[in-house]
Amino acid sequence: MNQSKTAPSRAYSLALTAIVAALYVAITTAVAPFSFGPVQLRLSEGLNHLAAWNKRYVVALSLGVLLANFLSPLGWIDWVFGTLGTLIMTTITYLLTRKVTEAWLKIVISTVVVSTIGMAILAAEFTFAFQIHAAGSFSSGAKASGIFAQWLAYYALVAPGELVSLIVGGIVIFALSKVVNLSK
């Protein structure tokens, strides 16, 4: 079979997908005590910027999140909703950046998408877990506030760690994009 010089092989794409998924899991587990909960620093989230370069990274990141979330105290809730949240936000990032050529702009768009849509989904996940009294739902037991107030509180708790992760990841991915063609 004649392989085009511009298109990567399926094996290459599969290998990159597996490597990024494994990196996500490795980074998440390396800082595991801080990778879960409403106040978290999941440094692996910095890899979300990769979705701005190639749709294979949407799959890789979603797979990495699924595997990493097997360690989550929220159990099935994080497996399902955490993975779906990543799939949604990285897909949106990919779609919004397909025609963007500047690496810094891809990273800015990715940061906005992940820190708004992605964290809104995560805050909703925590709120849902709290409402159904799921094990590991990080609830204080207080029910004085409404659902929106709970969602907003979770959003305010999770957003700062996410921004730190996105800034660190953005710097790394930007530098990497200068020496490696992340689109291929």
N, C-alpha and C. Protein backbone atom coordinates (compact mmCIF):
# COMPACT_ATOMS: atom_id res chain seq x y z
N MET A 1 0.84 -1.18 0.00
CA MET A 1 0.00 0.00 0.00
C MET A 1 0.89 1.24 0.00
N ASN A 2 0.58 2.19 -0.85
CA ASN A 2 1.35 3.42 -0.97
C ASN A 2 0.89 4.43 0.07
N GLN A 3 1.78 4.78 0.97
CA GLN A 3 1.46 5.72 2.06
C GLN A 3 1.87 7.12 1.65
N SER A 4 0.97 8.08 1.79
CA SER A 4 1.26 9.47 1.48
C SER A 4 2.30 10.02 2.45
N LYS A 5 3.17 10.89 1.97
CA LYS A 5 4.19 11.48 2.84
C LYS A 5 3.61 12.52 3.78
N THR A 6 2.43 13.04 3.48
CA THR A 6 1.85 14.07 4.34
C THR A 6 0.89 13.50 5.38
N ALA A 7 0.28 12.38 5.11
CA ALA A 7 -0.69 11.80 6.04
C ALA A 7 0.00 10.77 6.93
N PRO A 8 -0.16 10.90 8.24
CA PRO A 8 0.45 9.90 9.13
C PRO A 8 -0.27 8.56 9.01
N SER A 9 0.44 7.50 9.26
CA SER A 9 -0.15 6.17 9.19
C SER A 9 -1.12 5.97 10.35
N ARG A 10 -1.95 4.94 10.21
CA ARG A 10 -2.87 4.62 11.30
C ARG A 10 -2.12 4.21 12.55
N ALA A 11 -1.04 3.49 12.37
CA ALA A 11 -0.23 3.06 13.51
C ALA A 11 0.35 4.26 14.25
N TYR A 12 0.82 5.23 13.49
CA TYR A 12 1.37 6.47 14.07
C TYR A 12 0.29 7.20 14.86
N SER A 13 -0.89 7.36 14.27
CA SER A 13 -1.99 8.05 14.94
C SER A 13 -2.41 7.31 16.20
N LEU A 14 -2.50 6.00 16.10
CA LEU A 14 -2.87 5.19 17.26
C LEU A 14 -1.83 5.30 18.36
N ALA A 15 -0.57 5.27 17.97
CA ALA A 15 0.52 5.40 18.95
C ALA A 15 0.47 6.76 19.66
N LEU A 16 0.27 7.83 18.90
CA LEU A 16 0.18 9.16 19.52
C LEU A 16 -1.03 9.27 20.45
N THR A 17 -2.13 8.68 20.04
CA THR A 17 -3.33 8.67 20.88
C THR A 17 -3.04 7.96 22.20
N ALA A 18 -2.42 6.81 22.12
CA ALA A 18 -2.08 6.03 23.31
C ALA A 18 -1.08 6.77 24.20
N ILE A 19 -0.10 7.40 23.59
CA ILE A 19 0.91 8.13 24.37
C ILE A 19 0.28 9.28 25.12
N VAL A 20 -0.57 10.06 24.47
CA VAL A 20 -1.21 11.20 25.14
C VAL A 20 -2.15 10.72 26.23
N ALA A 21 -2.92 9.66 25.97
CA ALA A 21 -3.81 9.11 27.00
C ALA A 21 -2.98 8.64 28.20
N ALA A 22 -1.87 7.96 27.93
CA ALA A 22 -1.01 7.47 29.01
C ALA A 22 -0.37 8.62 29.78
N LEU A 23 0.05 9.66 29.07
CA LEU A 23 0.60 10.85 29.74
C LEU A 23 -0.44 11.48 30.67
N TYR A 24 -1.67 11.58 30.19
CA TYR A 24 -2.74 12.16 31.00
C TYR A 24 -2.91 11.35 32.29
N VAL A 25 -2.96 10.03 32.16
CA VAL A 25 -3.13 9.17 33.33
C VAL A 25 -1.92 9.29 34.26
N ALA A 26 -0.73 9.27 33.70
CA ALA A 26 0.49 9.33 34.51
C ALA A 26 0.59 10.64 35.29
N ILE A 27 0.30 11.75 34.64
CA ILE A 27 0.37 13.04 35.32
C ILE A 27 -0.71 13.14 36.39
N THR A 28 -1.91 12.66 36.07
CA THR A 28 -3.00 12.70 37.05
C THR A 28 -2.67 11.87 38.27
N THR A 29 -2.15 10.67 38.07
CA THR A 29 -1.84 9.81 39.21
C THR A 29 -0.62 10.29 39.98
N ALA A 30 0.30 10.99 39.31
CA ALA A 30 1.48 11.51 40.01
C ALA A 30 1.10 12.55 41.06
N VAL A 31 0.03 13.27 40.81
CA VAL A 31 -0.44 14.28 41.79
C VAL A 31 -1.84 13.90 42.29
N ALA A 32 -2.09 12.58 42.36
CA ALA A 32 -3.43 12.04 42.66
C ALA A 32 -4.14 12.67 43.85
N PRO A 33 -3.49 12.92 44.94
CA PRO A 33 -4.28 13.51 46.04
C PRO A 33 -4.89 14.86 45.66
N PHE A 34 -4.27 15.54 44.71
CA PHE A 34 -4.75 16.87 44.31
C PHE A 34 -5.53 16.83 42.99
N SER A 35 -5.68 15.65 42.39
CA SER A 35 -6.30 15.53 41.07
C SER A 35 -7.81 15.36 41.10
N PHE A 36 -8.38 15.20 42.28
CA PHE A 36 -9.81 14.94 42.39
C PHE A 36 -10.42 15.87 43.43
N GLY A 37 -11.69 16.14 43.26
CA GLY A 37 -12.43 16.95 44.22
C GLY A 37 -12.69 18.35 43.72
N PRO A 38 -13.48 19.08 44.49
CA PRO A 38 -13.87 20.43 44.05
C PRO A 38 -12.72 21.44 44.09
N VAL A 39 -11.71 21.17 44.88
CA VAL A 39 -10.51 22.00 44.86
C VAL A 39 -9.41 21.07 44.38
N GLN A 40 -9.00 21.27 43.13
CA GLN A 40 -8.04 20.34 42.56
C GLN A 40 -7.01 21.05 41.70
N LEU A 41 -5.89 20.39 41.58
CA LEU A 41 -4.84 20.84 40.66
C LEU A 41 -4.48 19.62 39.81
N ARG A 42 -5.23 19.45 38.75
CA ARG A 42 -5.01 18.32 37.85
C ARG A 42 -4.16 18.83 36.70
N LEU A 43 -2.84 18.76 36.91
CA LEU A 43 -1.90 19.31 35.93
C LEU A 43 -2.06 18.69 34.55
N SER A 44 -2.56 17.49 34.48
CA SER A 44 -2.77 16.82 33.19
C SER A 44 -3.77 17.57 32.32
N GLU A 45 -4.59 18.43 32.91
CA GLU A 45 -5.55 19.22 32.14
C GLU A 45 -4.85 20.17 31.16
N GLY A 46 -3.59 20.47 31.40
CA GLY A 46 -2.83 21.29 30.47
C GLY A 46 -2.68 20.64 29.10
N LEU A 47 -2.85 19.32 29.05
CA LEU A 47 -2.79 18.61 27.77
C LEU A 47 -4.01 18.88 26.90
N ASN A 48 -5.08 19.44 27.48
CA ASN A 48 -6.29 19.73 26.70
C ASN A 48 -6.01 20.65 25.52
N HIS A 49 -4.96 21.43 25.59
CA HIS A 49 -4.60 22.33 24.48
C HIS A 49 -4.30 21.55 23.20
N LEU A 50 -3.88 20.31 23.33
CA LEU A 50 -3.55 19.51 22.14
C LEU A 50 -4.74 19.36 21.19
N ALA A 51 -5.95 19.40 21.73
CA ALA A 51 -7.15 19.25 20.90
C ALA A 51 -7.25 20.36 19.86
N ALA A 52 -6.56 21.46 20.08
CA ALA A 52 -6.57 22.57 19.12
C ALA A 52 -5.75 22.25 17.87
N TRP A 53 -4.96 21.20 17.92
CA TRP A 53 -4.11 20.85 16.78
C TRP A 53 -4.60 19.67 15.95
N ASN A 54 -5.22 18.69 16.60
CA ASN A 54 -5.62 17.50 15.85
C ASN A 54 -6.75 16.79 16.59
N LYS A 55 -7.73 16.31 15.85
CA LYS A 55 -8.89 15.66 16.47
C LYS A 55 -8.53 14.35 17.16
N ARG A 56 -7.39 13.76 16.81
CA ARG A 56 -6.97 12.53 17.50
C ARG A 56 -6.80 12.79 18.99
N TYR A 57 -6.43 14.03 19.34
CA TYR A 57 -6.21 14.34 20.75
C TYR A 57 -7.52 14.45 21.52
N VAL A 58 -8.62 14.68 20.84
CA VAL A 58 -9.94 14.65 21.48
C VAL A 58 -10.17 13.25 22.04
N VAL A 59 -9.89 12.24 21.21
CA VAL A 59 -10.04 10.84 21.63
C VAL A 59 -9.02 10.51 22.71
N ALA A 60 -7.78 10.91 22.52
CA ALA A 60 -6.71 10.60 23.48
C ALA A 60 -7.01 11.18 24.86
N LEU A 61 -7.44 12.44 24.89
CA LEU A 61 -7.72 13.08 26.17
C LEU A 61 -8.95 12.48 26.85
N SER A 62 -9.96 12.17 26.06
CA SER A 62 -11.16 11.54 26.63
C SER A 62 -10.83 10.17 27.21
N LEU A 63 -10.03 9.41 26.50
CA LEU A 63 -9.60 8.10 27.00
C LEU A 63 -8.75 8.27 28.27
N GLY A 64 -7.83 9.23 28.25
CA GLY A 64 -7.00 9.49 29.43
C GLY A 64 -7.82 9.87 30.64
N VAL A 65 -8.83 10.71 30.44
CA VAL A 65 -9.71 11.11 31.54
C VAL A 65 -10.48 9.90 32.07
N LEU A 66 -11.03 9.09 31.17
CA LEU A 66 -11.76 7.90 31.60
C LEU A 66 -10.88 7.01 32.47
N LEU A 67 -9.69 6.73 32.00
CA LEU A 67 -8.78 5.85 32.74
C LEU A 67 -8.34 6.47 34.07
N ALA A 68 -8.01 7.75 34.06
CA ALA A 68 -7.59 8.42 35.29
C ALA A 68 -8.74 8.48 36.30
N ASN A 69 -9.95 8.66 35.80
CA ASN A 69 -11.10 8.79 36.70
C ASN A 69 -11.52 7.47 37.36
N PHE A 70 -10.90 6.37 36.97
CA PHE A 70 -11.14 5.13 37.70
C PHE A 70 -10.63 5.25 39.14
N LEU A 71 -9.78 6.23 39.40
CA LEU A 71 -9.28 6.50 40.75
C LEU A 71 -10.16 7.50 41.51
N SER A 72 -11.13 8.07 40.85
CA SER A 72 -11.94 9.13 41.44
C SER A 72 -12.84 8.63 42.57
N PRO A 73 -12.94 9.40 43.64
CA PRO A 73 -13.87 9.02 44.71
C PRO A 73 -15.33 9.10 44.28
N LEU A 74 -15.62 9.76 43.18
CA LEU A 74 -17.00 9.84 42.69
C LEU A 74 -17.43 8.61 41.90
N GLY A 75 -16.47 7.74 41.58
CA GLY A 75 -16.81 6.51 40.88
C GLY A 75 -17.46 6.74 39.53
N TRP A 76 -18.56 6.02 39.28
CA TRP A 76 -19.21 6.03 37.96
C TRP A 76 -19.61 7.43 37.50
N ILE A 77 -19.91 8.31 38.42
CA ILE A 77 -20.31 9.66 38.04
C ILE A 77 -19.17 10.36 37.32
N ASP A 78 -17.95 10.21 37.84
CA ASP A 78 -16.79 10.82 37.20
C ASP A 78 -16.39 10.07 35.93
N TRP A 79 -16.58 8.75 35.92
CA TRP A 79 -16.25 7.99 34.72
C TRP A 79 -17.10 8.47 33.56
N VAL A 80 -18.40 8.64 33.81
CA VAL A 80 -19.32 9.01 32.75
C VAL A 80 -19.26 10.51 32.46
N PHE A 81 -19.55 11.34 33.46
CA PHE A 81 -19.69 12.77 33.23
C PHE A 81 -18.34 13.48 33.05
N GLY A 82 -17.32 13.02 33.75
CA GLY A 82 -15.99 13.60 33.54
C GLY A 82 -15.48 13.34 32.14
N THR A 83 -15.70 12.11 31.67
CA THR A 83 -15.27 11.76 30.32
C THR A 83 -16.09 12.51 29.27
N LEU A 84 -17.41 12.56 29.46
CA LEU A 84 -18.26 13.30 28.51
C LEU A 84 -17.92 14.79 28.49
N GLY A 85 -17.64 15.34 29.66
CA GLY A 85 -17.25 16.76 29.73
C GLY A 85 -15.99 17.02 28.93
N THR A 86 -15.01 16.13 29.06
CA THR A 86 -13.77 16.29 28.30
C THR A 86 -14.04 16.13 26.81
N LEU A 87 -14.83 15.15 26.44
CA LEU A 87 -15.17 14.95 25.04
C LEU A 87 -15.84 16.20 24.45
N ILE A 88 -16.75 16.79 25.20
CA ILE A 88 -17.46 17.98 24.73
C ILE A 88 -16.52 19.17 24.60
N MET A 89 -15.75 19.46 25.65
CA MET A 89 -14.92 20.67 25.62
C MET A 89 -13.76 20.56 24.64
N THR A 90 -13.19 19.37 24.49
CA THR A 90 -12.09 19.24 23.53
C THR A 90 -12.61 19.23 22.09
N THR A 91 -13.80 18.71 21.89
CA THR A 91 -14.41 18.77 20.55
C THR A 91 -14.69 20.22 20.17
N ILE A 92 -15.24 20.98 21.09
CA ILE A 92 -15.50 22.41 20.83
C ILE A 92 -14.19 23.13 20.54
N THR A 93 -13.16 22.84 21.33
CA THR A 93 -11.84 23.44 21.10
C THR A 93 -11.36 23.12 19.69
N TYR A 94 -11.43 21.85 19.32
CA TYR A 94 -10.98 21.44 17.98
C TYR A 94 -11.75 22.18 16.90
N LEU A 95 -13.06 22.23 17.02
CA LEU A 95 -13.89 22.87 16.00
C LEU A 95 -13.62 24.38 15.89
N LEU A 96 -13.39 25.03 17.02
CA LEU A 96 -13.15 26.47 17.00
C LEU A 96 -11.76 26.85 16.51
N THR A 97 -10.84 25.91 16.53
CA THR A 97 -9.44 26.24 16.19
C THR A 97 -8.96 25.59 14.90
N ARG A 98 -9.82 24.91 14.18
CA ARG A 98 -9.41 24.20 12.96
C ARG A 98 -8.71 25.10 11.96
N LYS A 99 -9.15 26.33 11.82
CA LYS A 99 -8.58 27.23 10.82
C LYS A 99 -7.61 28.26 11.43
N VAL A 100 -7.38 28.17 12.72
CA VAL A 100 -6.46 29.09 13.39
C VAL A 100 -5.04 28.56 13.18
N THR A 101 -4.14 29.45 12.76
CA THR A 101 -2.76 29.02 12.50
C THR A 101 -1.78 29.43 13.60
N GLU A 102 -2.09 30.44 14.35
CA GLU A 102 -1.19 30.92 15.40
C GLU A 102 -1.32 30.06 16.66
N ALA A 103 -0.21 29.52 17.12
CA ALA A 103 -0.21 28.64 18.30
C ALA A 103 -0.73 29.36 19.53
N TRP A 104 -0.32 30.60 19.74
CA TRP A 104 -0.76 31.32 20.94
C TRP A 104 -2.27 31.52 20.94
N LEU A 105 -2.86 31.74 19.77
CA LEU A 105 -4.31 31.95 19.68
C LEU A 105 -5.06 30.63 19.91
N LYS A 106 -4.51 29.53 19.42
CA LYS A 106 -5.10 28.22 19.70
C LYS A 106 -5.15 27.99 21.21
N ILE A 107 -4.07 28.33 21.89
CA ILE A 107 -3.99 28.12 23.33
C ILE A 107 -4.96 29.04 24.07
N VAL A 108 -5.09 30.27 23.63
CA VAL A 108 -6.05 31.20 24.25
C VAL A 108 -7.47 30.67 24.09
N ILE A 109 -7.83 30.25 22.87
CA ILE A 109 -9.17 29.72 22.62
C ILE A 109 -9.41 28.47 23.47
N SER A 110 -8.44 27.59 23.50
CA SER A 110 -8.55 26.37 24.30
C SER A 110 -8.74 26.71 25.78
N THR A 111 -7.98 27.66 26.27
CA THR A 111 -8.09 28.06 27.68
C THR A 111 -9.48 28.59 27.99
N VAL A 112 -10.01 29.41 27.11
CA VAL A 112 -11.36 29.96 27.33
C VAL A 112 -12.40 28.85 27.32
N VAL A 113 -12.33 27.95 26.36
CA VAL A 113 -13.31 26.86 26.26
C VAL A 113 -13.24 25.96 27.49
N VAL A 114 -12.04 25.53 27.84
CA VAL A 114 -11.89 24.59 28.95
C VAL A 114 -12.27 25.25 30.28
N SER A 115 -11.84 26.49 30.49
CA SER A 115 -12.11 27.13 31.78
C SER A 115 -13.55 27.60 31.93
N THR A 116 -14.29 27.68 30.83
CA THR A 116 -15.70 28.08 30.93
C THR A 116 -16.60 26.85 30.76
N ILE A 117 -16.65 26.31 29.57
CA ILE A 117 -17.55 25.18 29.30
C ILE A 117 -17.12 23.94 30.10
N GLY A 118 -15.85 23.63 30.05
CA GLY A 118 -15.36 22.44 30.76
C GLY A 118 -15.59 22.51 32.25
N MET A 119 -15.29 23.65 32.85
CA MET A 119 -15.46 23.77 34.29
C MET A 119 -16.94 23.90 34.68
N ALA A 120 -17.76 24.43 33.78
CA ALA A 120 -19.20 24.48 34.03
C ALA A 120 -19.76 23.06 34.10
N ILE A 121 -19.28 22.19 33.20
CA ILE A 121 -19.71 20.79 33.20
C ILE A 121 -19.23 20.09 34.47
N LEU A 122 -17.98 20.33 34.85
CA LEU A 122 -17.44 19.70 36.06
C LEU A 122 -18.20 20.17 37.30
N ALA A 123 -18.50 21.45 37.38
CA ALA A 123 -19.27 21.97 38.51
C ALA A 123 -20.67 21.34 38.54
N ALA A 124 -21.26 21.14 37.37
CA ALA A 124 -22.57 20.48 37.30
C ALA A 124 -22.46 19.02 37.77
N GLU A 125 -21.37 18.38 37.41
CA GLU A 125 -21.14 17.00 37.86
C GLU A 125 -21.08 16.93 39.38
N PHE A 126 -20.31 17.82 39.99
CA PHE A 126 -20.22 17.84 41.45
C PHE A 126 -21.57 18.15 42.09
N THR A 127 -22.30 19.10 41.51
CA THR A 127 -23.61 19.46 42.03
C THR A 127 -24.56 18.26 41.95
N PHE A 128 -24.55 17.56 40.83
CA PHE A 128 -25.38 16.37 40.66
C PHE A 128 -25.02 15.33 41.71
N ALA A 129 -23.72 15.07 41.87
CA ALA A 129 -23.27 14.08 42.85
C ALA A 129 -23.72 14.47 44.26
N PHE A 130 -23.65 15.74 44.57
CA PHE A 130 -24.09 16.24 45.87
C PHE A 130 -25.59 16.02 46.04
N GLN A 131 -26.35 16.30 45.00
CA GLN A 131 -27.81 16.19 45.07
C GLN A 131 -28.27 14.75 45.27
N ILE A 132 -27.56 13.80 44.68
CA ILE A 132 -27.98 12.40 44.84
C ILE A 132 -27.25 11.72 46.00
N HIS A 133 -26.49 12.50 46.75
CA HIS A 133 -25.75 11.99 47.92
C HIS A 133 -24.79 10.86 47.54
N ALA A 134 -24.12 11.04 46.42
CA ALA A 134 -23.17 10.03 45.95
C ALA A 134 -21.97 9.96 46.89
N ALA A 135 -21.46 8.76 47.05
CA ALA A 135 -20.26 8.59 47.86
C ALA A 135 -19.14 9.39 47.21
N GLY A 136 -18.37 10.09 48.01
CA GLY A 136 -17.27 10.88 47.49
C GLY A 136 -17.70 12.18 46.86
N SER A 137 -18.93 12.65 47.17
CA SER A 137 -19.44 13.85 46.50
C SER A 137 -18.98 15.15 47.13
N PHE A 138 -18.11 15.07 48.12
CA PHE A 138 -17.48 16.26 48.70
C PHE A 138 -18.50 17.20 49.33
N SER A 139 -19.62 16.68 49.76
CA SER A 139 -20.66 17.55 50.33
C SER A 139 -20.43 17.76 51.81
N SER A 140 -20.85 18.92 52.27
CA SER A 140 -20.72 19.24 53.69
C SER A 140 -21.95 18.79 54.45
N GLY A 141 -22.97 18.36 53.75
CA GLY A 141 -24.21 17.96 54.39
C GLY A 141 -25.19 19.11 54.50
N ALA A 142 -24.74 20.32 54.26
CA ALA A 142 -25.62 21.49 54.35
C ALA A 142 -26.49 21.57 53.10
N LYS A 143 -27.76 21.88 53.30
CA LYS A 143 -28.68 21.99 52.17
C LYS A 143 -29.34 23.35 52.14
N ALA A 144 -28.68 24.35 52.68
CA ALA A 144 -29.27 25.68 52.80
C ALA A 144 -29.35 26.40 51.46
N SER A 145 -28.46 26.04 50.53
CA SER A 145 -28.43 26.77 49.27
C SER A 145 -29.13 26.00 48.16
N GLY A 146 -29.49 26.71 47.11
CA GLY A 146 -30.12 26.09 45.96
C GLY A 146 -29.11 25.46 45.03
N ILE A 147 -29.61 24.80 44.01
CA ILE A 147 -28.75 24.10 43.06
C ILE A 147 -27.81 25.06 42.34
N PHE A 148 -28.32 26.22 41.92
CA PHE A 148 -27.45 27.17 41.22
C PHE A 148 -26.33 27.65 42.13
N ALA A 149 -26.64 27.92 43.38
CA ALA A 149 -25.62 28.37 44.33
C ALA A 149 -24.57 27.28 44.54
N GLN A 150 -25.00 26.04 44.59
CA GLN A 150 -24.05 24.93 44.75
C GLN A 150 -23.17 24.83 43.50
N TRP A 151 -23.79 24.93 42.32
CA TRP A 151 -23.03 24.87 41.08
C TRP A 151 -21.99 25.99 41.04
N LEU A 152 -22.42 27.20 41.38
CA LEU A 152 -21.53 28.36 41.36
C LEU A 152 -20.38 28.18 42.34
N ALA A 153 -20.68 27.64 43.50
CA ALA A 153 -19.63 27.41 44.51
C ALA A 153 -18.61 26.39 43.99
N TYR A 154 -19.09 25.30 43.39
CA TYR A 154 -18.17 24.32 42.84
C TYR A 154 -17.35 24.91 41.69
N TYR A 155 -17.99 25.71 40.86
CA TYR A 155 -17.28 26.36 39.75
C TYR A 155 -16.16 27.25 40.30
N ALA A 156 -16.48 28.04 41.31
CA ALA A 156 -15.49 28.93 41.91
C ALA A 156 -14.34 28.16 42.57
N LEU A 157 -14.63 26.97 43.06
CA LEU A 157 -13.59 26.16 43.70
C LEU A 157 -12.67 25.48 42.69
N VAL A 158 -13.23 25.01 41.58
CA VAL A 158 -12.45 24.21 40.64
C VAL A 158 -11.72 25.07 39.61
N ALA A 159 -12.23 26.24 39.31
CA ALA A 159 -11.67 27.08 38.25
C ALA A 159 -10.21 27.53 38.49
N PRO A 160 -9.83 27.96 39.69
CA PRO A 160 -8.43 28.41 39.85
C PRO A 160 -7.39 27.33 39.56
N GLY A 161 -7.60 26.13 40.04
CA GLY A 161 -6.66 25.04 39.76
C GLY A 161 -6.61 24.70 38.29
N GLU A 162 -7.76 24.79 37.64
CA GLU A 162 -7.82 24.52 36.20
C GLU A 162 -7.03 25.58 35.44
N LEU A 163 -7.18 26.83 35.84
CA LEU A 163 -6.44 27.91 35.15
C LEU A 163 -4.94 27.73 35.31
N VAL A 164 -4.49 27.35 36.50
CA VAL A 164 -3.07 27.10 36.72
C VAL A 164 -2.60 25.98 35.79
N SER A 165 -3.37 24.89 35.73
CA SER A 165 -3.01 23.77 34.88
C SER A 165 -2.97 24.16 33.41
N LEU A 166 -3.94 24.98 32.99
CA LEU A 166 -3.99 25.43 31.60
C LEU A 166 -2.84 26.37 31.26
N ILE A 167 -2.44 27.21 32.19
CA ILE A 167 -1.31 28.11 31.94
C ILE A 167 -0.02 27.32 31.82
N VAL A 168 0.22 26.41 32.77
CA VAL A 168 1.43 25.58 32.71
C VAL A 168 1.42 24.75 31.43
N GLY A 169 0.29 24.10 31.15
CA GLY A 169 0.18 23.30 29.93
C GLY A 169 0.31 24.14 28.68
N GLY A 170 -0.25 25.34 28.70
CA GLY A 170 -0.17 26.23 27.54
C GLY A 170 1.26 26.60 27.21
N ILE A 171 2.06 26.85 28.23
CA ILE A 171 3.47 27.18 28.02
C ILE A 171 4.21 25.98 27.41
N VAL A 172 3.95 24.81 27.96
CA VAL A 172 4.61 23.59 27.46
C VAL A 172 4.18 23.28 26.03
N ILE A 173 2.87 23.32 25.78
CA ILE A 173 2.36 23.00 24.44
C ILE A 173 2.81 24.05 23.42
N PHE A 174 2.84 25.32 23.81
CA PHE A 174 3.32 26.37 22.90
C PHE A 174 4.77 26.10 22.50
N ALA A 175 5.61 25.81 23.49
CA ALA A 175 7.03 25.51 23.20
C ALA A 175 7.14 24.27 22.33
N LEU A 176 6.37 23.26 22.63
CA LEU A 176 6.39 22.03 21.85
C LEU A 176 5.94 22.28 20.41
N SER A 177 4.96 23.14 20.24
CA SER A 177 4.46 23.43 18.88
C SER A 177 5.50 24.12 18.00
N LYS A 178 6.52 24.70 18.62
CA LYS A 178 7.57 25.37 17.86
C LYS A 178 8.60 24.38 17.31
N VAL A 179 8.65 23.17 17.88
CA VAL A 179 9.64 22.18 17.43
C VAL A 179 9.02 20.92 16.85
N VAL A 180 7.71 20.71 17.10
CA VAL A 180 7.02 19.52 16.62
C VAL A 180 5.73 19.97 15.92
N ASN A 181 5.44 19.37 14.79
CA ASN A 181 4.19 19.66 14.10
C ASN A 181 3.07 18.85 14.78
N LEU A 182 2.34 19.51 15.67
CA LEU A 182 1.30 18.83 16.44
C LEU A 182 0.07 18.49 15.60
N SER A 183 -0.03 19.06 14.43
CA SER A 183 -1.18 18.81 13.56
C SER A 183 -1.11 17.46 12.87
N LYS A 184 0.08 16.92 12.74
CA LYS A 184 0.25 15.64 12.02
C LYS A 184 0.18 14.47 12.95
